[in-house]
C-alpha cells in the first residue's frame, strides 16, 4: 500500500504541499523532503546509499528547474509518496504544457525484502544470487522521460540507479546502472552529434573505452525486436557496474547525471518554436506508440518495478506518453523525412 504525503507547486524556494510547507535550502534545492530522515542521513552521511539519495534528489531539482525555464505554461505536480513495505519516492510531472506535453522526473528510494521472482529476473542476466529466498535489498534511482509537444524536439530518457542486496551469508552485493538516450521524430544530425558528443565527453573522463562499449549496449538494449527497429538513436546504457570500486563507479555515475542537462536542453531551446503541421503530429504519435511498446514489453526497469511488492504503478508508468496512436500497417512515404529516420532506426550509426 502507498500513501501520497504531499503534492503541490513551487513558489520560489518554498514548496506548498497538502501536508504543510517544505522550505528548500539554497544548497540542496530539492523538490520535496528526502525519503530518508534528515537525522539518519546526517548520522550515516558516509554510506553510499545516503550519498546516492542526496545526489539524485539534487539532480531532480536541478533538472526540474531547467525544464521550467523552457516551459511557458505547465507547472510541476510534486508527489511525495511512501511505500509501506519500506521507502518511497518523489515524482514530479508536468502534463499538457505548452513545450512539454508530458515530462516526468522521478526519484525512488525503496528497501525491504526482494521477492524470488525479482531475484530470478536478476539471475537471468548473470547476477548469481541465491535462488528461492527473499533477501533484504535497498535500491534508489532517478528516472526521467521528457515528451515534448513539438515533433521537432526529441524525446529524452535517462535513468541512474544504485542497488544493494544482502545475502543470507551476510555478504552485501552492490552495483550501479543507468543510461541516457534520445528519441527524435525528425532527424537533425547536428543535434544527434551534440547529444552523443556530450555523453562521450563524460565517459572519456573516467574510461576511454566506456562510450564505445556503453553506446553499443544502448543500441542493443533499446531494440524493439518485434519491429526490428531501435526506439531512438541511442546514447549510453550500462548495468551491474561494480568495478573498479564503489567510489570510482559513483564518480562516473555522477558525471553521467551531470551531463543530462547540457546534452538535452540546448536541443529543446533550439527546436521548441519550429513550425509543424498535422502530418508531423501524426508521425510523432505513431512513434510514441513504438516508444510505449518498448517500455511495456521489454524494459527491464518496468518489469522489476512491477515485480516489487508495493509497486507504485503511476510512477513506474510515468514514462508513457500522454498521447500515442497505432495505425494499421503504416509505412513512411518513400524519400520522406520519416523514411530517413526509419532507416537510421533499422541501422544504428556512430555519431561521434
C-alpha atoms as a PDB file:
ATOM      1  CA  UNK A   1       0.000   0.000   0.000  1.00  0.00           C
ATOM      2  CA  UNK A   2       1.095   3.556  -0.668  1.00  0.00           C
ATOM      3  CA  UNK A   3       0.322   6.923   0.788  1.00  0.00           C
ATOM      4  CA  UNK A   4       0.770  10.230  -1.011  1.00  0.00           C
ATOM      5  CA  UNK A   5       2.069  12.677   1.560  1.00  0.00           C
ATOM      6  CA  UNK A   6       2.158  15.849  -0.443  1.00  0.00           C
ATOM      7  CA  UNK A   7       1.517  17.402  -3.802  1.00  0.00           C
ATOM      8  CA  UNK A   8       1.932  20.991  -4.776  1.00  0.00           C
ATOM      9  CA  UNK A   9       3.680  23.641  -6.820  1.00  0.00           C
ATOM     10  CA  UNK A  10       6.774  25.727  -6.279  1.00  0.00           C
ATOM     11  CA  UNK A  11       6.779  29.314  -5.088  1.00  0.00           C
ATOM     12  CA  UNK A  12      10.392  30.379  -5.475  1.00  0.00           C
ATOM     13  CA  UNK A  13      12.329  28.301  -2.970  1.00  0.00           C
ATOM     14  CA  UNK A  14       9.264  27.323  -0.921  1.00  0.00           C
ATOM     15  CA  UNK A  15       7.054  24.375  -1.835  1.00  0.00           C
ATOM     16  CA  UNK A  16       3.477  24.319  -0.585  1.00  0.00           C
ATOM     17  CA  UNK A  17       2.027  20.857  -0.011  1.00  0.00           C
ATOM     18  CA  UNK A  18      -1.221  19.434   1.301  1.00  0.00           C
ATOM     19  CA  UNK A  19       0.640  18.363   4.446  1.00  0.00           C
ATOM     20  CA  UNK A  20       2.362  21.691   5.080  1.00  0.00           C
ATOM     21  CA  UNK A  21       5.250  23.813   3.878  1.00  0.00           C
ATOM     22  CA  UNK A  22       8.664  22.490   2.899  1.00  0.00           C
ATOM     23  CA  UNK A  23      11.445  25.083   2.862  1.00  0.00           C
ATOM     24  CA  UNK A  24      14.069  24.321   0.218  1.00  0.00           C
ATOM     25  CA  UNK A  25      17.599  25.259   1.264  1.00  0.00           C
ATOM     26  CA  UNK A  26      19.813  27.241  -1.068  1.00  0.00           C
ATOM     27  CA  UNK A  27      22.308  24.386  -1.082  1.00  0.00           C
ATOM     28  CA  UNK A  28      20.062  21.470  -1.952  1.00  0.00           C
ATOM     29  CA  UNK A  29      17.006  22.903  -3.700  1.00  0.00           C
ATOM     30  CA  UNK A  30      15.227  19.548  -3.556  1.00  0.00           C
ATOM     31  CA  UNK A  31      11.702  19.299  -4.956  1.00  0.00           C
ATOM     32  CA  UNK A  32      10.466  17.723  -1.705  1.00  0.00           C
ATOM     33  CA  UNK A  33      11.729  16.385   1.586  1.00  0.00           C
ATOM     34  CA  UNK A  34      14.135  13.418   1.130  1.00  0.00           C
ATOM     35  CA  UNK A  35      12.766   9.935   1.773  1.00  0.00           C
ATOM     36  CA  UNK A  36      15.375   9.138   4.394  1.00  0.00           C
ATOM     37  CA  UNK A  37      15.054  11.015   7.668  1.00  0.00           C
ATOM     38  CA  UNK A  38      17.357  14.042   7.815  1.00  0.00           C
ATOM     39  CA  UNK A  39      18.904  12.970  11.127  1.00  0.00           C
ATOM     40  CA  UNK A  40      19.555   9.472   9.784  1.00  0.00           C
ATOM     41  CA  UNK A  41      21.142  10.959   6.674  1.00  0.00           C
ATOM     42  CA  UNK A  42      23.437  13.127   8.781  1.00  0.00           C
ATOM     43  CA  UNK A  43      24.392  10.207  11.017  1.00  0.00           C
ATOM     44  CA  UNK A  44      25.147   7.927   8.031  1.00  0.00           C
ATOM     45  CA  UNK A  45      26.462  10.580   5.652  1.00  0.00           C
ATOM     46  CA  UNK A  46      29.350   8.389   4.500  1.00  0.00           C
ATOM     47  CA  UNK A  47      27.162   5.474   3.392  1.00  0.00           C
ATOM     48  CA  UNK A  48      26.853   5.103  -0.380  1.00  0.00           C
ATOM     49  CA  UNK A  49      23.073   4.760  -0.163  1.00  0.00           C
ATOM     50  CA  UNK A  50      22.826   8.150   1.575  1.00  0.00           C
ATOM     51  CA  UNK A  51      25.247   9.853  -0.793  1.00  0.00           C
ATOM     52  CA  UNK A  52      23.338   8.487  -3.771  1.00  0.00           C
ATOM     53  CA  UNK A  53      19.987   9.650  -2.390  1.00  0.00           C
ATOM     54  CA  UNK A  54      21.340  13.153  -1.850  1.00  0.00           C
ATOM     55  CA  UNK A  55      22.734  13.251  -5.373  1.00  0.00           C
ATOM     56  CA  UNK A  56      19.577  12.121  -7.153  1.00  0.00           C
ATOM     57  CA  UNK A  57      17.380  14.452  -5.090  1.00  0.00           C
ATOM     58  CA  UNK A  58      19.600  17.384  -6.072  1.00  0.00           C
ATOM     59  CA  UNK A  59      19.698  16.317  -9.735  1.00  0.00           C
ATOM     60  CA  UNK A  60      15.913  16.050  -9.799  1.00  0.00           C
ATOM     61  CA  UNK A  61      15.585  19.620  -8.557  1.00  0.00           C
ATOM     62  CA  UNK A  62      18.177  20.922 -10.990  1.00  0.00           C
ATOM     63  CA  UNK A  63      16.528  19.278 -13.994  1.00  0.00           C
ATOM     64  CA  UNK A  64      13.023  20.394 -12.996  1.00  0.00           C
ATOM     65  CA  UNK A  65      14.197  23.987 -12.755  1.00  0.00           C
ATOM     66  CA  UNK A  66      15.998  23.759 -16.100  1.00  0.00           C
ATOM     67  CA  UNK A  67      12.870  22.398 -17.795  1.00  0.00           C
ATOM     68  CA  UNK A  68      10.736  25.079 -16.147  1.00  0.00           C
ATOM     69  CA  UNK A  69      12.922  27.711 -17.786  1.00  0.00           C
ATOM     70  CA  UNK A  70      11.834  26.358 -21.204  1.00  0.00           C
ATOM     71  CA  UNK A  71       8.151  25.928 -20.355  1.00  0.00           C
ATOM     72  CA  UNK A  72       5.619  28.733 -20.756  1.00  0.00           C
ATOM     73  CA  UNK A  73       2.502  27.132 -19.337  1.00  0.00           C
ATOM     74  CA  UNK A  74       2.901  23.955 -17.304  1.00  0.00           C
ATOM     75  CA  UNK A  75       3.583  23.675 -13.579  1.00  0.00           C
ATOM     76  CA  UNK A  76       5.176  20.792 -11.734  1.00  0.00           C
ATOM     77  CA  UNK A  77       2.941  18.470  -9.772  1.00  0.00           C
ATOM     78  CA  UNK A  78       5.151  17.281  -6.922  1.00  0.00           C
ATOM     79  CA  UNK A  79       4.009  13.974  -5.469  1.00  0.00           C
ATOM     80  CA  UNK A  80       5.909  12.616  -2.466  1.00  0.00           C
ATOM     81  CA  UNK A  81       4.768   9.091  -1.747  1.00  0.00           C
ATOM     82  CA  UNK A  82       5.557   6.408   0.816  1.00  0.00           C
ATOM     83  CA  UNK A  83       5.800   2.674   0.248  1.00  0.00           C
ATOM     84  CA  UNK A  84       4.567   0.834   3.340  1.00  0.00           C
ATOM     85  CA  UNK A  85       6.997  -2.033   2.706  1.00  0.00           C
ATOM     86  CA  UNK A  86       9.834   0.492   3.036  1.00  0.00           C
ATOM     87  CA  UNK A  87      10.917   3.766   1.448  1.00  0.00           C
ATOM     88  CA  UNK A  88       9.072   5.795  -1.138  1.00  0.00           C
ATOM     89  CA  UNK A  89       9.685   8.389  -3.798  1.00  0.00           C
ATOM     90  CA  UNK A  90       9.201  11.869  -5.199  1.00  0.00           C
ATOM     91  CA  UNK A  91       7.507  12.038  -8.601  1.00  0.00           C
ATOM     92  CA  UNK A  92       7.455  15.381 -10.426  1.00  0.00           C
ATOM     93  CA  UNK A  93       5.306  15.739 -13.548  1.00  0.00           C
ATOM     94  CA  UNK A  94       4.373  18.487 -15.984  1.00  0.00           C
ATOM     95  CA  UNK A  95       1.382  17.433 -18.051  1.00  0.00           C
ATOM     96  CA  UNK A  96      -0.202  19.184 -21.025  1.00  0.00           C
ATOM     97  CA  UNK A  97       2.240  22.084 -21.005  1.00  0.00           C
ATOM     98  CA  UNK A  98       2.984  24.356 -23.937  1.00  0.00           C
ATOM     99  CA  UNK A  99       6.502  22.983 -24.545  1.00  0.00           C
ATOM    100  CA  UNK A 100       6.289  19.648 -22.718  1.00  0.00           C
ATOM    101  CA  UNK A 101       3.233  17.533 -23.407  1.00  0.00           C
ATOM    102  CA  UNK A 102       4.365  15.290 -20.576  1.00  0.00           C
ATOM    103  CA  UNK A 103       7.597  15.492 -18.624  1.00  0.00           C
ATOM    104  CA  UNK A 104       8.350  13.347 -15.601  1.00  0.00           C
ATOM    105  CA  UNK A 105      11.325  13.276 -13.251  1.00  0.00           C
ATOM    106  CA  UNK A 106      11.035  10.638 -10.567  1.00  0.00           C
ATOM    107  CA  UNK A 107      13.191   9.639  -7.612  1.00  0.00           C
ATOM    108  CA  UNK A 108      12.644   6.401  -5.721  1.00  0.00           C
ATOM    109  CA  UNK A 109      14.349   5.193  -2.551  1.00  0.00           C
ATOM    110  CA  UNK A 110      12.985   1.800  -1.559  1.00  0.00           C
ATOM    111  CA  UNK A 111      14.012  -1.054   0.704  1.00  0.00           C
ATOM    112  CA  UNK A 112      12.595  -4.263   2.077  1.00  0.00           C
ATOM    113  CA  UNK A 113      12.702  -7.911   1.086  1.00  0.00           C
ATOM    114  CA  UNK A 114      13.304  -8.713  -2.561  1.00  0.00           C
ATOM    115  CA  UNK A 115      10.939 -11.463  -3.761  1.00  0.00           C
ATOM    116  CA  UNK A 116      12.152 -14.641  -5.511  1.00  0.00           C
ATOM    117  CA  UNK A 117      10.602 -13.536  -8.837  1.00  0.00           C
ATOM    118  CA  UNK A 118      12.796 -10.426  -8.888  1.00  0.00           C
ATOM    119  CA  UNK A 119      15.843 -12.483  -7.902  1.00  0.00           C
ATOM    120  CA  UNK A 120      15.159 -14.838 -10.807  1.00  0.00           C
ATOM    121  CA  UNK A 121      14.966 -11.842 -13.167  1.00  0.00           C
ATOM    122  CA  UNK A 122      18.373 -10.605 -11.959  1.00  0.00           C
ATOM    123  CA  UNK A 123      19.917 -14.056 -12.262  1.00  0.00           C
ATOM    124  CA  UNK A 124      18.678 -14.253 -15.838  1.00  0.00           C
ATOM    125  CA  UNK A 125      21.268 -11.591 -16.628  1.00  0.00           C
ATOM    126  CA  UNK A 126      24.034 -13.296 -14.648  1.00  0.00           C
ATOM    127  CA  UNK A 127      23.862 -11.924 -11.083  1.00  0.00           C
ATOM    128  CA  UNK A 128      24.118 -15.416  -9.475  1.00  0.00           C
ATOM    129  CA  UNK A 129      22.115 -14.541  -6.378  1.00  0.00           C
ATOM    130  CA  UNK A 130      20.724 -17.331  -4.152  1.00  0.00           C
ATOM    131  CA  UNK A 131      17.525 -18.646  -5.718  1.00  0.00           C
ATOM    132  CA  UNK A 132      14.216 -19.266  -3.995  1.00  0.00           C
ATOM    133  CA  UNK A 133      14.646 -16.996  -0.982  1.00  0.00           C
ATOM    134  CA  UNK A 134      13.795 -13.457  -0.004  1.00  0.00           C
ATOM    135  CA  UNK A 135      16.707 -11.149   0.783  1.00  0.00           C
ATOM    136  CA  UNK A 136      16.961  -7.618   2.193  1.00  0.00           C
ATOM    137  CA  UNK A 137      17.526  -5.029  -0.529  1.00  0.00           C
ATOM    138  CA  UNK A 138      17.967  -1.300  -0.986  1.00  0.00           C
ATOM    139  CA  UNK A 139      17.501   0.494  -4.280  1.00  0.00           C
ATOM    140  CA  UNK A 140      17.479   4.146  -5.213  1.00  0.00           C
ATOM    141  CA  UNK A 141      17.478   5.900  -8.533  1.00  0.00           C
ATOM    142  CA  UNK A 142      16.337   8.783 -10.665  1.00  0.00           C
ATOM    143  CA  UNK A 143      14.395   8.298 -13.877  1.00  0.00           C
ATOM    144  CA  UNK A 144      13.081  10.818 -16.356  1.00  0.00           C
ATOM    145  CA  UNK A 145      11.264  10.844 -19.665  1.00  0.00           C
ATOM    146  CA  UNK A 146      10.574  14.116 -21.467  1.00  0.00           C
ATOM    147  CA  UNK A 147       7.879  14.025 -24.160  1.00  0.00           C
ATOM    148  CA  UNK A 148       7.793  17.430 -25.936  1.00  0.00           C
ATOM    149  CA  UNK A 149       4.789  18.793 -27.777  1.00  0.00           C
ATOM    150  CA  UNK A 150       6.680  19.934 -30.891  1.00  0.00           C
ATOM    151  CA  UNK A 151       7.724  16.978 -33.125  1.00  0.00           C
ATOM    152  CA  UNK A 152      10.962  18.828 -33.917  1.00  0.00           C
ATOM    153  CA  UNK A 153      12.074  18.354 -30.301  1.00  0.00           C
ATOM    154  CA  UNK A 154      13.219  14.809 -29.494  1.00  0.00           C
ATOM    155  CA  UNK A 155      12.090  12.770 -26.524  1.00  0.00           C
ATOM    156  CA  UNK A 156      14.818  12.147 -23.966  1.00  0.00           C
ATOM    157  CA  UNK A 157      15.097   9.455 -21.323  1.00  0.00           C
ATOM    158  CA  UNK A 158      17.636   8.833 -18.608  1.00  0.00           C
ATOM    159  CA  UNK A 159      17.895   6.632 -15.546  1.00  0.00           C
ATOM    160  CA  UNK A 160      20.676   6.291 -12.977  1.00  0.00           C
ATOM    161  CA  UNK A 161      20.418   3.877 -10.063  1.00  0.00           C
ATOM    162  CA  UNK A 162      22.177   2.113  -7.186  1.00  0.00           C
ATOM    163  CA  UNK A 163      21.282  -1.298  -5.778  1.00  0.00           C
ATOM    164  CA  UNK A 164      22.284  -3.322  -2.718  1.00  0.00           C
ATOM    165  CA  UNK A 165      21.216  -6.811  -1.706  1.00  0.00           C
ATOM    166  CA  UNK A 166      22.254  -8.741   1.413  1.00  0.00           C
ATOM    167  CA  UNK A 167      22.616 -12.496   1.013  1.00  0.00           C
ATOM    168  CA  UNK A 168      21.780 -14.931   3.828  1.00  0.00           C
ATOM    169  CA  UNK A 169      25.523 -15.364   4.412  1.00  0.00           C
ATOM    170  CA  UNK A 170      25.711 -11.672   5.342  1.00  0.00           C
ATOM    171  CA  UNK A 171      27.534 -10.692   2.145  1.00  0.00           C
ATOM    172  CA  UNK A 172      26.365  -7.397   0.646  1.00  0.00           C
ATOM    173  CA  UNK A 173      26.333  -7.171  -3.134  1.00  0.00           C
ATOM    174  CA  UNK A 174      26.093  -3.733  -4.785  1.00  0.00           C
ATOM    175  CA  UNK A 175      26.113  -2.285  -8.266  1.00  0.00           C
ATOM    176  CA  UNK A 176      25.294   0.825 -10.285  1.00  0.00           C
ATOM    177  CA  UNK A 177      23.438   1.133 -13.571  1.00  0.00           C
ATOM    178  CA  UNK A 178      21.825   3.612 -15.891  1.00  0.00           C
ATOM    179  CA  UNK A 179      21.985   5.422 -19.173  1.00  0.00           C
ATOM    180  CA  UNK A 180      20.640   8.239 -21.294  1.00  0.00           C
ATOM    181  CA  UNK A 181      19.150   8.054 -24.788  1.00  0.00           C
ATOM    182  CA  UNK A 182      17.462  10.225 -27.406  1.00  0.00           C
ATOM    183  CA  UNK A 183      14.350   9.521 -29.491  1.00  0.00           C
ATOM    184  CA  UNK A 184      13.881  12.076 -32.294  1.00  0.00           C
ATOM    185  CA  UNK A 185      10.833  12.222 -34.535  1.00  0.00           C
ATOM    186  CA  UNK A 186      12.731  14.063 -37.264  1.00  0.00           C
ATOM    187  CA  UNK A 187      16.454  13.581 -37.563  1.00  0.00           C
ATOM    188  CA  UNK A 188      18.701  16.593 -37.011  1.00  0.00           C
ATOM    189  CA  UNK A 189      22.252  15.302 -37.398  1.00  0.00           C
ATOM    190  CA  UNK A 190      23.715  18.322 -35.626  1.00  0.00           C
ATOM    191  CA  UNK A 191      21.524  17.609 -32.592  1.00  0.00           C
ATOM    192  CA  UNK A 192      22.387  13.905 -32.670  1.00  0.00           C
ATOM    193  CA  UNK A 193      26.099  14.687 -32.767  1.00  0.00           C
ATOM    194  CA  UNK A 194      25.821  17.184 -29.903  1.00  0.00           C
ATOM    195  CA  UNK A 195      23.935  14.692 -27.729  1.00  0.00           C
ATOM    196  CA  UNK A 196      26.386  11.845 -28.297  1.00  0.00           C
ATOM    197  CA  UNK A 197      29.454  14.063 -28.058  1.00  0.00           C
ATOM    198  CA  UNK A 198      28.341  15.326 -24.642  1.00  0.00           C
ATOM    199  CA  UNK A 199      27.878  11.765 -23.392  1.00  0.00           C
ATOM    200  CA  UNK A 200      31.230  10.681 -24.824  1.00  0.00           C
ATOM    201  CA  UNK A 201      32.994  13.556 -23.085  1.00  0.00           C
ATOM    202  CA  UNK A 202      31.503  12.438 -19.770  1.00  0.00           C
ATOM    203  CA  UNK A 203      32.539   8.828 -20.353  1.00  0.00           C
ATOM    204  CA  UNK A 204      36.062   9.670 -21.508  1.00  0.00           C
ATOM    205  CA  UNK A 205      36.851  11.435 -18.221  1.00  0.00           C
ATOM    206  CA  UNK A 206      36.660   8.045 -16.500  1.00  0.00           C
ATOM    207  CA  UNK A 207      37.493   5.422 -19.104  1.00  0.00           C
ATOM    208  CA  UNK A 208      38.109   5.990 -22.812  1.00  0.00           C
ATOM    209  CA  UNK A 209      36.537   2.613 -23.563  1.00  0.00           C
ATOM    210  CA  UNK A 210      33.256   3.360 -21.790  1.00  0.00           C
ATOM    211  CA  UNK A 211      31.491   5.331 -24.521  1.00  0.00           C
ATOM    212  CA  UNK A 212      32.063   2.780 -27.290  1.00  0.00           C
ATOM    213  CA  UNK A 213      31.071  -0.083 -25.004  1.00  0.00           C
ATOM    214  CA  UNK A 214      28.021   1.579 -23.478  1.00  0.00           C
ATOM    215  CA  UNK A 215      26.855   3.073 -26.778  1.00  0.00           C
ATOM    216  CA  UNK A 216      26.802  -0.413 -28.327  1.00  0.00           C
ATOM    217  CA  UNK A 217      25.000  -1.741 -25.238  1.00  0.00           C
ATOM    218  CA  UNK A 218      22.409   1.034 -25.609  1.00  0.00           C
ATOM    219  CA  UNK A 219      21.808   0.243 -29.288  1.00  0.00           C
ATOM    220  CA  UNK A 220      21.278  -3.397 -28.379  1.00  0.00           C
ATOM    221  CA  UNK A 221      19.121  -2.786 -25.306  1.00  0.00           C
ATOM    222  CA  UNK A 222      16.680  -0.305 -26.870  1.00  0.00           C
ATOM    223  CA  UNK A 223      15.951  -2.527 -29.873  1.00  0.00           C
ATOM    224  CA  UNK A 224      12.238  -3.157 -30.480  1.00  0.00           C
ATOM    225  CA  UNK A 225      12.616  -6.754 -31.598  1.00  0.00           C
ATOM    226  CA  UNK A 226       9.136  -7.318 -32.988  1.00  0.00           C
ATOM    227  CA  UNK A 227       9.525  -4.274 -35.294  1.00  0.00           C
ATOM    228  CA  UNK A 228      13.254  -4.713 -35.902  1.00  0.00           C
ATOM    229  CA  UNK A 229      13.919  -1.038 -35.207  1.00  0.00           C
ATOM    230  CA  UNK A 230      15.587   0.880 -32.396  1.00  0.00           C
ATOM    231  CA  UNK A 231      13.498   3.005 -30.066  1.00  0.00           C
ATOM    232  CA  UNK A 232      15.660   6.014 -30.939  1.00  0.00           C
ATOM    233  CA  UNK A 233      19.195   6.979 -31.933  1.00  0.00           C
ATOM    234  CA  UNK A 234      20.716   5.664 -28.724  1.00  0.00           C
ATOM    235  CA  UNK A 235      23.092   7.132 -26.216  1.00  0.00           C
ATOM    236  CA  UNK A 236      24.690   5.090 -23.448  1.00  0.00           C
ATOM    237  CA  UNK A 237      23.457   2.221 -21.286  1.00  0.00           C
ATOM    238  CA  UNK A 238      25.212   0.198 -18.591  1.00  0.00           C
ATOM    239  CA  UNK A 239      24.202  -2.126 -15.796  1.00  0.00           C
ATOM    240  CA  UNK A 240      25.764  -4.181 -12.991  1.00  0.00           C
ATOM    241  CA  UNK A 241      28.721  -1.775 -12.761  1.00  0.00           C
ATOM    242  CA  UNK A 242      30.742  -2.805  -9.704  1.00  0.00           C
ATOM    243  CA  UNK A 243      34.354  -2.202 -10.682  1.00  0.00           C
ATOM    244  CA  UNK A 244      36.952  -0.862 -10.252  1.00  0.00           C
ATOM    245  CA  UNK A 245      35.402   0.245  -6.924  1.00  0.00           C
ATOM    246  CA  UNK A 246      32.398   1.959  -5.371  1.00  0.00           C
ATOM    247  CA  UNK A 247      33.978   5.425  -5.348  1.00  0.00           C
ATOM    248  CA  UNK A 248      35.016   5.212  -8.978  1.00  0.00           C
ATOM    249  CA  UNK A 249      31.614   3.892 -10.044  1.00  0.00           C
ATOM    250  CA  UNK A 250      29.800   6.632  -8.132  1.00  0.00           C
ATOM    251  CA  UNK A 251      32.014   9.335  -9.625  1.00  0.00           C
ATOM    252  CA  UNK A 252      31.277   8.021 -13.124  1.00  0.00           C
ATOM    253  CA  UNK A 253      27.534   7.887 -12.473  1.00  0.00           C
ATOM    254  CA  UNK A 254      27.538  11.496 -11.238  1.00  0.00           C
ATOM    255  CA  UNK A 255      29.473  12.573 -14.335  1.00  0.00           C
ATOM    256  CA  UNK A 256      26.781  10.973 -16.494  1.00  0.00           C
ATOM    257  CA  UNK A 257      23.974  12.510 -14.470  1.00  0.00           C
ATOM    258  CA  UNK A 258      25.557  15.946 -14.677  1.00  0.00           C
ATOM    259  CA  UNK A 259      25.718  15.638 -18.479  1.00  0.00           C
ATOM    260  CA  UNK A 260      21.932  15.263 -18.903  1.00  0.00           C
ATOM    261  CA  UNK A 261      21.067  18.958 -18.938  1.00  0.00           C
ATOM    262  CA  UNK A 262      23.878  20.111 -21.280  1.00  0.00           C
ATOM    263  CA  UNK A 263      23.196  17.204 -23.657  1.00  0.00           C
ATOM    264  CA  UNK A 264      19.443  17.836 -23.997  1.00  0.00           C
ATOM    265  CA  UNK A 265      18.316  21.332 -23.016  1.00  0.00           C
ATOM    266  CA  UNK A 266      20.068  23.056 -25.969  1.00  0.00           C
ATOM    267  CA  UNK A 267      18.015  20.825 -28.296  1.00  0.00           C
ATOM    268  CA  UNK A 268      14.783  21.898 -26.604  1.00  0.00           C
ATOM    269  CA  UNK A 269      15.669  25.583 -26.783  1.00  0.00           C
ATOM    270  CA  UNK A 270      16.718  25.328 -30.426  1.00  0.00           C
ATOM    271  CA  UNK A 271      13.653  23.485 -31.726  1.00  0.00           C
ATOM    272  CA  UNK A 272      10.667  24.197 -29.456  1.00  0.00           C
ATOM    273  CA  UNK A 273       9.306  27.068 -31.580  1.00  0.00           C
ATOM    274  CA  UNK A 274       9.781  25.498 -35.022  1.00  0.00           C
ATOM    275  CA  UNK A 275       6.668  25.140 -37.127  1.00  0.00           C
ATOM    276  CA  UNK A 276       4.929  21.819 -37.795  1.00  0.00           C
ATOM    277  CA  UNK A 277       1.616  20.578 -39.129  1.00  0.00           C
ATOM    278  CA  UNK A 278      -0.916  17.769 -38.899  1.00  0.00           C
ATOM    279  CA  UNK A 279       1.240  15.210 -40.722  1.00  0.00           C
ATOM    280  CA  UNK A 280       4.201  15.774 -38.403  1.00  0.00           C
ATOM    281  CA  UNK A 281       1.979  15.417 -35.363  1.00  0.00           C
ATOM    282  CA  UNK A 282       0.544  12.118 -36.623  1.00  0.00           C
ATOM    283  CA  UNK A 283       4.038  10.732 -37.197  1.00  0.00           C
ATOM    284  CA  UNK A 284       5.031  11.800 -33.690  1.00  0.00           C
ATOM    285  CA  UNK A 285       2.043   9.911 -32.255  1.00  0.00           C
ATOM    286  CA  UNK A 286       2.900   6.757 -34.239  1.00  0.00           C
ATOM    287  CA  UNK A 287       6.490   6.877 -32.995  1.00  0.00           C
ATOM    288  CA  UNK A 288       5.231   7.358 -29.443  1.00  0.00           C
ATOM    289  CA  UNK A 289       3.257   4.180 -29.875  1.00  0.00           C
ATOM    290  CA  UNK A 290       6.524   2.410 -30.653  1.00  0.00           C
ATOM    291  CA  UNK A 291       8.042   4.011 -27.548  1.00  0.00           C
ATOM    292  CA  UNK A 292       5.219   2.655 -25.394  1.00  0.00           C
ATOM    293  CA  UNK A 293       5.635  -0.823 -26.899  1.00  0.00           C
ATOM    294  CA  UNK A 294       9.267  -0.988 -25.832  1.00  0.00           C
ATOM    295  CA  UNK A 295       8.573   0.232 -22.312  1.00  0.00           C
ATOM    296  CA  UNK A 296       5.743  -2.215 -21.719  1.00  0.00           C
ATOM    297  CA  UNK A 297       7.228  -5.265 -23.429  1.00  0.00           C
ATOM    298  CA  UNK A 298      10.998  -5.090 -22.974  1.00  0.00           C
ATOM    299  CA  UNK A 299      12.108  -2.502 -20.417  1.00  0.00           C
ATOM    300  CA  UNK A 300      13.944  -4.119 -17.510  1.00  0.00           C
ATOM    301  CA  UNK A 301      13.186  -1.328 -15.040  1.00  0.00           C
ATOM    302  CA  UNK A 302       9.457  -1.520 -15.713  1.00  0.00           C
ATOM    303  CA  UNK A 303       9.467  -5.273 -15.172  1.00  0.00           C
ATOM    304  CA  UNK A 304      11.463  -5.023 -11.934  1.00  0.00           C
ATOM    305  CA  UNK A 305       9.155  -2.311 -10.623  1.00  0.00           C
ATOM    306  CA  UNK A 306       6.030  -4.303 -11.359  1.00  0.00           C
ATOM    307  CA  UNK A 307       7.527  -7.394  -9.681  1.00  0.00           C
ATOM    308  CA  UNK A 308       8.341  -5.458  -6.490  1.00  0.00           C
ATOM    309  CA  UNK A 309       5.771  -5.701  -3.656  1.00  0.00           C
ATOM    310  CA  UNK A 310       4.039  -2.385  -3.051  1.00  0.00           C
ATOM    311  CA  UNK A 311       4.859  -1.199  -6.558  1.00  0.00           C
ATOM    312  CA  UNK A 312       3.572   2.284  -7.349  1.00  0.00           C
ATOM    313  CA  UNK A 313       2.183   1.868 -10.832  1.00  0.00           C
ATOM    314  CA  UNK A 314       1.627   5.568 -11.516  1.00  0.00           C
ATOM    315  CA  UNK A 315       5.336   6.272 -11.009  1.00  0.00           C
ATOM    316  CA  UNK A 316       6.519   3.156 -12.855  1.00  0.00           C
ATOM    317  CA  UNK A 317       4.382   4.068 -15.876  1.00  0.00           C
ATOM    318  CA  UNK A 318       5.285   7.763 -15.749  1.00  0.00           C
ATOM    319  CA  UNK A 319       7.452   7.173 -18.836  1.00  0.00           C
ATOM    320  CA  UNK A 320       4.459   6.566 -21.104  1.00  0.00           C
ATOM    321  CA  UNK A 321       3.427   9.463 -23.366  1.00  0.00           C
ATOM    322  CA  UNK A 322       0.242  11.409 -22.778  1.00  0.00           C
ATOM    323  CA  UNK A 323      -0.897  10.625 -26.347  1.00  0.00           C
ATOM    324  CA  UNK A 324       0.039   7.921 -28.869  1.00  0.00           C
ATOM    325  CA  UNK A 325      -1.558   6.074 -31.769  1.00  0.00           C
ATOM    326  CA  UNK A 326      -1.348   2.756 -33.564  1.00  0.00           C
ATOM    327  CA  UNK A 327      -2.141   2.983 -37.258  1.00  0.00           C
ATOM    328  CA  UNK A 328      -2.562  -0.311 -39.071  1.00  0.00           C
ATOM    329  CA  UNK A 329       0.301  -1.154 -41.474  1.00  0.00           C
ATOM    330  CA  UNK A 330       1.735   2.351 -41.513  1.00  0.00           C
ATOM    331  CA  UNK A 331       4.643   2.706 -43.966  1.00  0.00           C
ATOM    332  CA  UNK A 332       6.502   6.033 -44.346  1.00  0.00           C
ATOM    333  CA  UNK A 333       6.394   7.520 -47.834  1.00  0.00           C
ATOM    334  CA  UNK A 334       9.421   6.776 -49.985  1.00  0.00           C
ATOM    335  CA  UNK A 335      12.004   9.545 -49.853  1.00  0.00           C
ATOM    336  CA  UNK A 336      10.303  11.261 -46.909  1.00  0.00           C
ATOM    337  CA  UNK A 337      11.917  12.535 -43.713  1.00  0.00           C
ATOM    338  CA  UNK A 338      10.009   9.841 -41.876  1.00  0.00           C
ATOM    339  CA  UNK A 339      11.583   7.147 -44.064  1.00  0.00           C
ATOM    340  CA  UNK A 340      15.035   8.649 -43.468  1.00  0.00           C
ATOM    341  CA  UNK A 341      14.577   8.349 -39.719  1.00  0.00           C
ATOM    342  CA  UNK A 342      13.218   4.813 -40.028  1.00  0.00           C
ATOM    343  CA  UNK A 343      16.323   3.768 -41.982  1.00  0.00           C
ATOM    344  CA  UNK A 344      18.506   5.087 -39.160  1.00  0.00           C
ATOM    345  CA  UNK A 345      16.415   3.207 -36.601  1.00  0.00           C
ATOM    346  CA  UNK A 346      16.963  -0.001 -38.562  1.00  0.00           C
ATOM    347  CA  UNK A 347      20.692   0.609 -38.922  1.00  0.00           C
ATOM    348  CA  UNK A 348      22.192   2.374 -35.877  1.00  0.00           C
ATOM    349  CA  UNK A 349      25.150   4.566 -36.739  1.00  0.00           C
ATOM    350  CA  UNK A 350      28.045   6.214 -34.993  1.00  0.00           C
ATOM    351  CA  UNK A 351      27.571   9.917 -34.287  1.00  0.00           C
ATOM    352  CA  UNK A 352      30.999  10.842 -32.959  1.00  0.00           C
END
